[in-house]
């Protein structure tokens, strides 16, 4: 065997070892177990307000509602499947003063912030929600709506990027523990079993009978704003 042949075989073996190592790493990466919840082509796997949610030319999920603020599930888009314990990841871009929400463990056509649970998605920077119109802390992005406020930066600013910029969101619902990670920072980590459903904790008088639901649909809660979503994927937990 020539020296050249030996060298070529050594290089080939080294290359194979590198590829094998990469494959092994790939099977254990941070996305292992996640499956798409939106295919970028149509609304397969979703139902509800399919006349006002659609797919943009770029392959993003978007809301084109023009009928004002919707407080009922009739203006929501929800999965055709129930989910109990899971981690959902997605990227979202909010226009100025946008308002939406991630509803979880809610029935079809349900009012998520009461009959399930709503994780707020809102333009925290918007003038509609600040100044004289300032919201209470349990109504800003990442909050378990009306129940648990999100953490904010030391200077009081939101961890949400400015309007027109993409945000990375990860929400985990594991039993009664709800974790909301926004752009790499955990802004909510709460045990909702500690909160009453009768409107006394928090003391706003609003009953939330669905707060302790074990399972239900995943919703996007429409409010008539042209929000964009991409890379929506989910991993079910035991």
C-alpha atoms as a PDB file:
ATOM      1  CA  UNK A   1       0.000   0.000   0.000  1.00  0.00           C
ATOM      2  CA  UNK A   2       1.392   3.394  -0.930  1.00  0.00           C
ATOM      3  CA  UNK A   3       1.923   6.202   1.507  1.00  0.00           C
ATOM      4  CA  UNK A   4      -0.613   8.271  -0.409  1.00  0.00           C
ATOM      5  CA  UNK A   5      -3.300   5.561  -0.164  1.00  0.00           C
ATOM      6  CA  UNK A   6      -2.696   5.189   3.561  1.00  0.00           C
ATOM      7  CA  UNK A   7      -3.038   8.945   4.059  1.00  0.00           C
ATOM      8  CA  UNK A   8      -6.286   9.047   2.072  1.00  0.00           C
ATOM      9  CA  UNK A   9      -7.782   6.231   4.126  1.00  0.00           C
ATOM     10  CA  UNK A  10      -6.770   7.944   7.338  1.00  0.00           C
ATOM     11  CA  UNK A  11      -8.459  11.161   6.226  1.00  0.00           C
ATOM     12  CA  UNK A  12     -11.609   9.301   5.210  1.00  0.00           C
ATOM     13  CA  UNK A  13     -11.765   7.563   8.580  1.00  0.00           C
ATOM     14  CA  UNK A  14     -11.321  10.859  10.392  1.00  0.00           C
ATOM     15  CA  UNK A  15     -14.078  12.436   8.319  1.00  0.00           C
ATOM     16  CA  UNK A  16     -16.434   9.563   9.073  1.00  0.00           C
ATOM     17  CA  UNK A  17     -15.708   9.915  12.768  1.00  0.00           C
ATOM     18  CA  UNK A  18     -16.490  13.640  12.655  1.00  0.00           C
ATOM     19  CA  UNK A  19     -19.779  13.025  10.826  1.00  0.00           C
ATOM     20  CA  UNK A  20     -20.734  10.325  13.304  1.00  0.00           C
ATOM     21  CA  UNK A  21     -19.998  12.675  16.158  1.00  0.00           C
ATOM     22  CA  UNK A  22     -22.119  15.408  14.612  1.00  0.00           C
ATOM     23  CA  UNK A  23     -24.978  12.963  14.126  1.00  0.00           C
ATOM     24  CA  UNK A  24     -24.764  11.894  17.748  1.00  0.00           C
ATOM     25  CA  UNK A  25     -24.877  15.504  18.872  1.00  0.00           C
ATOM     26  CA  UNK A  26     -27.814  16.196  16.570  1.00  0.00           C
ATOM     27  CA  UNK A  27     -29.916  13.492  18.181  1.00  0.00           C
ATOM     28  CA  UNK A  28     -29.510  15.137  21.585  1.00  0.00           C
ATOM     29  CA  UNK A  29     -29.830  18.786  20.643  1.00  0.00           C
ATOM     30  CA  UNK A  30     -32.168  21.302  22.205  1.00  0.00           C
ATOM     31  CA  UNK A  31     -34.881  20.639  19.602  1.00  0.00           C
ATOM     32  CA  UNK A  32     -35.132  16.910  20.207  1.00  0.00           C
ATOM     33  CA  UNK A  33     -38.743  15.800  20.593  1.00  0.00           C
ATOM     34  CA  UNK A  34     -40.290  18.934  19.100  1.00  0.00           C
ATOM     35  CA  UNK A  35     -42.740  18.656  16.197  1.00  0.00           C
ATOM     36  CA  UNK A  36     -44.175  21.469  14.042  1.00  0.00           C
ATOM     37  CA  UNK A  37     -47.526  22.858  15.143  1.00  0.00           C
ATOM     38  CA  UNK A  38     -47.782  25.031  12.014  1.00  0.00           C
ATOM     39  CA  UNK A  39     -46.571  23.906   8.592  1.00  0.00           C
ATOM     40  CA  UNK A  40     -46.094  27.327   6.986  1.00  0.00           C
ATOM     41  CA  UNK A  41     -48.443  26.415   4.131  1.00  0.00           C
ATOM     42  CA  UNK A  42     -51.980  26.214   5.482  1.00  0.00           C
ATOM     43  CA  UNK A  43     -53.980  25.929   8.700  1.00  0.00           C
ATOM     44  CA  UNK A  44     -53.893  22.151   8.938  1.00  0.00           C
ATOM     45  CA  UNK A  45     -54.281  21.160  12.597  1.00  0.00           C
ATOM     46  CA  UNK A  46     -56.083  24.384  13.491  1.00  0.00           C
ATOM     47  CA  UNK A  47     -59.736  25.402  13.607  1.00  0.00           C
ATOM     48  CA  UNK A  48     -61.899  28.265  14.786  1.00  0.00           C
ATOM     49  CA  UNK A  49     -61.317  31.667  13.182  1.00  0.00           C
ATOM     50  CA  UNK A  50     -59.864  30.267   9.963  1.00  0.00           C
ATOM     51  CA  UNK A  51     -61.422  33.165   8.056  1.00  0.00           C
ATOM     52  CA  UNK A  52     -59.363  35.772   9.885  1.00  0.00           C
ATOM     53  CA  UNK A  53     -56.130  33.859  10.479  1.00  0.00           C
ATOM     54  CA  UNK A  54     -54.146  32.865   7.408  1.00  0.00           C
ATOM     55  CA  UNK A  55     -50.679  32.149   6.041  1.00  0.00           C
ATOM     56  CA  UNK A  56     -48.680  35.093   4.716  1.00  0.00           C
ATOM     57  CA  UNK A  57     -46.775  34.886   1.404  1.00  0.00           C
ATOM     58  CA  UNK A  58     -43.578  34.419   3.453  1.00  0.00           C
ATOM     59  CA  UNK A  59     -45.041  31.375   5.199  1.00  0.00           C
ATOM     60  CA  UNK A  60     -45.849  33.060   8.514  1.00  0.00           C
ATOM     61  CA  UNK A  61     -49.043  32.625  10.475  1.00  0.00           C
ATOM     62  CA  UNK A  62     -50.825  35.962  10.660  1.00  0.00           C
ATOM     63  CA  UNK A  63     -54.060  37.468  11.881  1.00  0.00           C
ATOM     64  CA  UNK A  64     -55.998  39.699   9.509  1.00  0.00           C
ATOM     65  CA  UNK A  65     -58.974  40.436  11.738  1.00  0.00           C
ATOM     66  CA  UNK A  66     -60.662  43.738  10.995  1.00  0.00           C
ATOM     67  CA  UNK A  67     -63.701  43.360  13.237  1.00  0.00           C
ATOM     68  CA  UNK A  68     -62.390  45.027  16.374  1.00  0.00           C
ATOM     69  CA  UNK A  69     -61.399  43.556  19.690  1.00  0.00           C
ATOM     70  CA  UNK A  70     -62.525  40.003  20.197  1.00  0.00           C
ATOM     71  CA  UNK A  71     -63.042  38.832  23.777  1.00  0.00           C
ATOM     72  CA  UNK A  72     -64.600  35.464  23.010  1.00  0.00           C
ATOM     73  CA  UNK A  73     -63.158  32.300  21.532  1.00  0.00           C
ATOM     74  CA  UNK A  74     -65.258  32.859  18.413  1.00  0.00           C
ATOM     75  CA  UNK A  75     -62.365  35.050  17.210  1.00  0.00           C
ATOM     76  CA  UNK A  76     -59.655  32.672  18.343  1.00  0.00           C
ATOM     77  CA  UNK A  77     -57.724  30.088  16.378  1.00  0.00           C
ATOM     78  CA  UNK A  78     -57.191  26.810  18.242  1.00  0.00           C
ATOM     79  CA  UNK A  79     -55.640  23.407  17.726  1.00  0.00           C
ATOM     80  CA  UNK A  80     -57.757  20.451  16.730  1.00  0.00           C
ATOM     81  CA  UNK A  81     -56.029  18.440  19.454  1.00  0.00           C
ATOM     82  CA  UNK A  82     -55.966  18.721  23.239  1.00  0.00           C
ATOM     83  CA  UNK A  83     -52.643  19.193  25.025  1.00  0.00           C
ATOM     84  CA  UNK A  84     -51.967  18.628  28.712  1.00  0.00           C
ATOM     85  CA  UNK A  85     -48.259  18.990  29.580  1.00  0.00           C
ATOM     86  CA  UNK A  86     -45.959  20.442  26.936  1.00  0.00           C
ATOM     87  CA  UNK A  87     -43.343  22.954  25.887  1.00  0.00           C
ATOM     88  CA  UNK A  88     -44.267  25.197  22.976  1.00  0.00           C
ATOM     89  CA  UNK A  89     -41.749  27.384  21.157  1.00  0.00           C
ATOM     90  CA  UNK A  90     -42.354  30.053  18.557  1.00  0.00           C
ATOM     91  CA  UNK A  91     -41.124  33.360  17.186  1.00  0.00           C
ATOM     92  CA  UNK A  92     -43.510  36.303  17.139  1.00  0.00           C
ATOM     93  CA  UNK A  93     -43.377  39.810  15.685  1.00  0.00           C
ATOM     94  CA  UNK A  94     -45.750  42.452  17.032  1.00  0.00           C
ATOM     95  CA  UNK A  95     -46.716  45.666  15.250  1.00  0.00           C
ATOM     96  CA  UNK A  96     -47.200  48.802  17.378  1.00  0.00           C
ATOM     97  CA  UNK A  97     -49.918  48.456  20.030  1.00  0.00           C
ATOM     98  CA  UNK A  98     -50.605  44.849  19.040  1.00  0.00           C
ATOM     99  CA  UNK A  99     -52.522  42.566  21.372  1.00  0.00           C
ATOM    100  CA  UNK A 100     -52.969  38.800  21.250  1.00  0.00           C
ATOM    101  CA  UNK A 101     -52.363  35.897  23.582  1.00  0.00           C
ATOM    102  CA  UNK A 102     -51.398  32.256  23.862  1.00  0.00           C
ATOM    103  CA  UNK A 103     -54.332  30.388  25.337  1.00  0.00           C
ATOM    104  CA  UNK A 104     -53.698  26.976  26.849  1.00  0.00           C
ATOM    105  CA  UNK A 105     -55.817  24.184  28.309  1.00  0.00           C
ATOM    106  CA  UNK A 106     -59.000  25.810  27.080  1.00  0.00           C
ATOM    107  CA  UNK A 107     -62.022  24.350  25.351  1.00  0.00           C
ATOM    108  CA  UNK A 108     -62.817  25.177  21.717  1.00  0.00           C
ATOM    109  CA  UNK A 109     -64.546  28.540  21.432  1.00  0.00           C
ATOM    110  CA  UNK A 110     -63.567  29.273  25.032  1.00  0.00           C
ATOM    111  CA  UNK A 111     -62.612  32.549  26.715  1.00  0.00           C
ATOM    112  CA  UNK A 112     -59.056  31.585  27.530  1.00  0.00           C
ATOM    113  CA  UNK A 113     -58.272  34.060  30.310  1.00  0.00           C
ATOM    114  CA  UNK A 114     -61.220  32.658  32.271  1.00  0.00           C
ATOM    115  CA  UNK A 115     -62.094  29.225  30.935  1.00  0.00           C
ATOM    116  CA  UNK A 116     -58.468  28.165  30.499  1.00  0.00           C
ATOM    117  CA  UNK A 117     -55.296  30.176  30.877  1.00  0.00           C
ATOM    118  CA  UNK A 118     -53.940  33.004  28.745  1.00  0.00           C
ATOM    119  CA  UNK A 119     -50.268  33.953  28.438  1.00  0.00           C
ATOM    120  CA  UNK A 120     -50.277  37.537  27.295  1.00  0.00           C
ATOM    121  CA  UNK A 121     -48.697  38.677  24.000  1.00  0.00           C
ATOM    122  CA  UNK A 122     -48.819  42.453  23.822  1.00  0.00           C
ATOM    123  CA  UNK A 123     -46.702  45.360  22.589  1.00  0.00           C
ATOM    124  CA  UNK A 124     -45.423  46.408  26.013  1.00  0.00           C
ATOM    125  CA  UNK A 125     -43.883  49.513  24.401  1.00  0.00           C
ATOM    126  CA  UNK A 126     -47.147  50.719  22.879  1.00  0.00           C
ATOM    127  CA  UNK A 127     -48.558  54.097  23.819  1.00  0.00           C
ATOM    128  CA  UNK A 128     -51.974  52.461  24.035  1.00  0.00           C
ATOM    129  CA  UNK A 129     -50.808  50.586  27.138  1.00  0.00           C
ATOM    130  CA  UNK A 130     -48.621  53.174  28.884  1.00  0.00           C
ATOM    131  CA  UNK A 131     -48.786  56.695  30.220  1.00  0.00           C
ATOM    132  CA  UNK A 132     -52.325  57.549  31.256  1.00  0.00           C
ATOM    133  CA  UNK A 133     -53.416  54.209  29.785  1.00  0.00           C
ATOM    134  CA  UNK A 134     -50.880  52.161  31.756  1.00  0.00           C
ATOM    135  CA  UNK A 135     -51.976  48.601  32.351  1.00  0.00           C
ATOM    136  CA  UNK A 136     -51.720  46.717  35.608  1.00  0.00           C
ATOM    137  CA  UNK A 137     -48.661  44.448  35.751  1.00  0.00           C
ATOM    138  CA  UNK A 138     -50.659  41.225  35.259  1.00  0.00           C
ATOM    139  CA  UNK A 139     -51.664  42.363  31.757  1.00  0.00           C
ATOM    140  CA  UNK A 140     -48.246  42.756  30.108  1.00  0.00           C
ATOM    141  CA  UNK A 141     -46.446  40.264  27.857  1.00  0.00           C
ATOM    142  CA  UNK A 142     -45.626  37.002  29.567  1.00  0.00           C
ATOM    143  CA  UNK A 143     -48.156  37.421  32.337  1.00  0.00           C
ATOM    144  CA  UNK A 144     -50.547  34.649  33.194  1.00  0.00           C
ATOM    145  CA  UNK A 145     -53.309  37.061  32.330  1.00  0.00           C
ATOM    146  CA  UNK A 146     -54.879  38.590  35.400  1.00  0.00           C
ATOM    147  CA  UNK A 147     -52.995  36.257  37.731  1.00  0.00           C
ATOM    148  CA  UNK A 148     -49.173  36.365  37.631  1.00  0.00           C
ATOM    149  CA  UNK A 149     -47.110  39.383  36.470  1.00  0.00           C
ATOM    150  CA  UNK A 150     -43.961  39.008  34.348  1.00  0.00           C
ATOM    151  CA  UNK A 151     -40.498  39.998  35.546  1.00  0.00           C
ATOM    152  CA  UNK A 152     -39.091  43.182  34.070  1.00  0.00           C
ATOM    153  CA  UNK A 153     -35.590  44.580  33.728  1.00  0.00           C
ATOM    154  CA  UNK A 154     -33.921  46.469  36.594  1.00  0.00           C
ATOM    155  CA  UNK A 155     -34.867  49.757  34.927  1.00  0.00           C
ATOM    156  CA  UNK A 156     -38.478  48.609  34.634  1.00  0.00           C
ATOM    157  CA  UNK A 157     -38.415  47.985  30.883  1.00  0.00           C
ATOM    158  CA  UNK A 158     -39.870  44.918  29.222  1.00  0.00           C
ATOM    159  CA  UNK A 159     -37.772  42.029  27.938  1.00  0.00           C
ATOM    160  CA  UNK A 160     -39.868  42.246  24.764  1.00  0.00           C
ATOM    161  CA  UNK A 161     -38.114  43.549  21.669  1.00  0.00           C
ATOM    162  CA  UNK A 162     -39.396  46.703  20.039  1.00  0.00           C
ATOM    163  CA  UNK A 163     -42.285  46.513  17.514  1.00  0.00           C
ATOM    164  CA  UNK A 164     -41.260  45.057  14.176  1.00  0.00           C
ATOM    165  CA  UNK A 165     -38.546  42.850  15.686  1.00  0.00           C
ATOM    166  CA  UNK A 166     -38.819  39.099  16.149  1.00  0.00           C
ATOM    167  CA  UNK A 167     -39.131  37.688  19.661  1.00  0.00           C
ATOM    168  CA  UNK A 168     -38.336  34.150  20.766  1.00  0.00           C
ATOM    169  CA  UNK A 169     -40.866  32.599  23.151  1.00  0.00           C
ATOM    170  CA  UNK A 170     -40.885  29.332  25.056  1.00  0.00           C
ATOM    171  CA  UNK A 171     -43.771  28.355  27.313  1.00  0.00           C
ATOM    172  CA  UNK A 172     -43.801  25.197  29.410  1.00  0.00           C
ATOM    173  CA  UNK A 173     -46.940  23.883  31.078  1.00  0.00           C
ATOM    174  CA  UNK A 174     -46.002  20.973  33.324  1.00  0.00           C
ATOM    175  CA  UNK A 175     -48.747  20.173  35.765  1.00  0.00           C
ATOM    176  CA  UNK A 176     -49.479  23.336  37.715  1.00  0.00           C
ATOM    177  CA  UNK A 177     -46.093  24.868  36.902  1.00  0.00           C
ATOM    178  CA  UNK A 178     -46.092  27.460  34.115  1.00  0.00           C
ATOM    179  CA  UNK A 179     -42.813  28.900  32.788  1.00  0.00           C
ATOM    180  CA  UNK A 180     -42.574  31.702  30.223  1.00  0.00           C
ATOM    181  CA  UNK A 181     -39.175  32.416  28.658  1.00  0.00           C
ATOM    182  CA  UNK A 182     -38.919  35.557  26.516  1.00  0.00           C
ATOM    183  CA  UNK A 183     -35.811  36.147  24.402  1.00  0.00           C
ATOM    184  CA  UNK A 184     -33.805  33.849  26.640  1.00  0.00           C
ATOM    185  CA  UNK A 185     -34.969  35.283  29.983  1.00  0.00           C
ATOM    186  CA  UNK A 186     -37.443  33.541  32.282  1.00  0.00           C
ATOM    187  CA  UNK A 187     -40.051  36.159  33.106  1.00  0.00           C
ATOM    188  CA  UNK A 188     -42.655  33.881  34.719  1.00  0.00           C
ATOM    189  CA  UNK A 189     -42.149  30.705  36.734  1.00  0.00           C
ATOM    190  CA  UNK A 190     -45.297  30.084  38.724  1.00  0.00           C
ATOM    191  CA  UNK A 191     -47.296  27.342  40.407  1.00  0.00           C
ATOM    192  CA  UNK A 192     -50.890  28.198  39.501  1.00  0.00           C
ATOM    193  CA  UNK A 193     -52.247  25.768  42.093  1.00  0.00           C
ATOM    194  CA  UNK A 194     -51.497  28.526  44.613  1.00  0.00           C
ATOM    195  CA  UNK A 195     -53.991  30.858  42.981  1.00  0.00           C
ATOM    196  CA  UNK A 196     -57.722  30.800  43.539  1.00  0.00           C
ATOM    197  CA  UNK A 197     -60.260  30.516  40.719  1.00  0.00           C
ATOM    198  CA  UNK A 198     -62.969  32.495  42.557  1.00  0.00           C
ATOM    199  CA  UNK A 199     -61.576  35.992  41.977  1.00  0.00           C
ATOM    200  CA  UNK A 200     -60.076  36.483  45.425  1.00  0.00           C
ATOM    201  CA  UNK A 201     -56.438  35.723  44.499  1.00  0.00           C
ATOM    202  CA  UNK A 202     -55.598  37.988  42.786  1.00  0.00           C
ATOM    203  CA  UNK A 203     -58.291  40.179  44.277  1.00  0.00           C
ATOM    204  CA  UNK A 204     -59.817  41.448  41.031  1.00  0.00           C
ATOM    205  CA  UNK A 205     -63.185  39.785  41.485  1.00  0.00           C
ATOM    206  CA  UNK A 206     -62.939  37.894  38.177  1.00  0.00           C
ATOM    207  CA  UNK A 207     -63.655  34.186  38.394  1.00  0.00           C
ATOM    208  CA  UNK A 208     -61.262  31.959  36.460  1.00  0.00           C
ATOM    209  CA  UNK A 209     -62.730  28.462  36.649  1.00  0.00           C
ATOM    210  CA  UNK A 210     -60.339  27.169  33.981  1.00  0.00           C
ATOM    211  CA  UNK A 211     -57.107  28.197  35.703  1.00  0.00           C
ATOM    212  CA  UNK A 212     -56.521  24.690  37.060  1.00  0.00           C
ATOM    213  CA  UNK A 213     -57.551  22.797  33.916  1.00  0.00           C
ATOM    214  CA  UNK A 214     -55.402  19.735  33.266  1.00  0.00           C
ATOM    215  CA  UNK A 215     -55.780  19.705  29.485  1.00  0.00           C
ATOM    216  CA  UNK A 216     -57.367  21.534  26.571  1.00  0.00           C
ATOM    217  CA  UNK A 217     -56.718  23.236  23.251  1.00  0.00           C
ATOM    218  CA  UNK A 218     -53.962  25.708  22.450  1.00  0.00           C
ATOM    219  CA  UNK A 219     -55.342  29.040  21.201  1.00  0.00           C
ATOM    220  CA  UNK A 220     -54.193  32.257  19.599  1.00  0.00           C
ATOM    221  CA  UNK A 221     -56.440  34.926  21.090  1.00  0.00           C
ATOM    222  CA  UNK A 222     -57.330  37.407  18.400  1.00  0.00           C
ATOM    223  CA  UNK A 223     -57.747  41.140  18.923  1.00  0.00           C
ATOM    224  CA  UNK A 224     -57.713  42.375  15.346  1.00  0.00           C
ATOM    225  CA  UNK A 225     -53.980  43.021  14.992  1.00  0.00           C
ATOM    226  CA  UNK A 226     -51.669  41.837  12.231  1.00  0.00           C
ATOM    227  CA  UNK A 227     -49.202  39.802  14.267  1.00  0.00           C
ATOM    228  CA  UNK A 228     -46.752  37.345  12.662  1.00  0.00           C
ATOM    229  CA  UNK A 229     -45.717  33.930  14.005  1.00  0.00           C
ATOM    230  CA  UNK A 230     -43.161  31.457  12.705  1.00  0.00           C
ATOM    231  CA  UNK A 231     -41.318  28.315  13.837  1.00  0.00           C
ATOM    232  CA  UNK A 232     -44.222  27.148  15.990  1.00  0.00           C
ATOM    233  CA  UNK A 233     -43.357  23.745  17.415  1.00  0.00           C
ATOM    234  CA  UNK A 234     -44.321  21.687  20.443  1.00  0.00           C
ATOM    235  CA  UNK A 235     -43.030  18.865  22.586  1.00  0.00           C
ATOM    236  CA  UNK A 236     -45.474  16.927  24.732  1.00  0.00           C
ATOM    237  CA  UNK A 237     -44.276  16.051  28.216  1.00  0.00           C
ATOM    238  CA  UNK A 238     -45.116  12.929  30.246  1.00  0.00           C
END
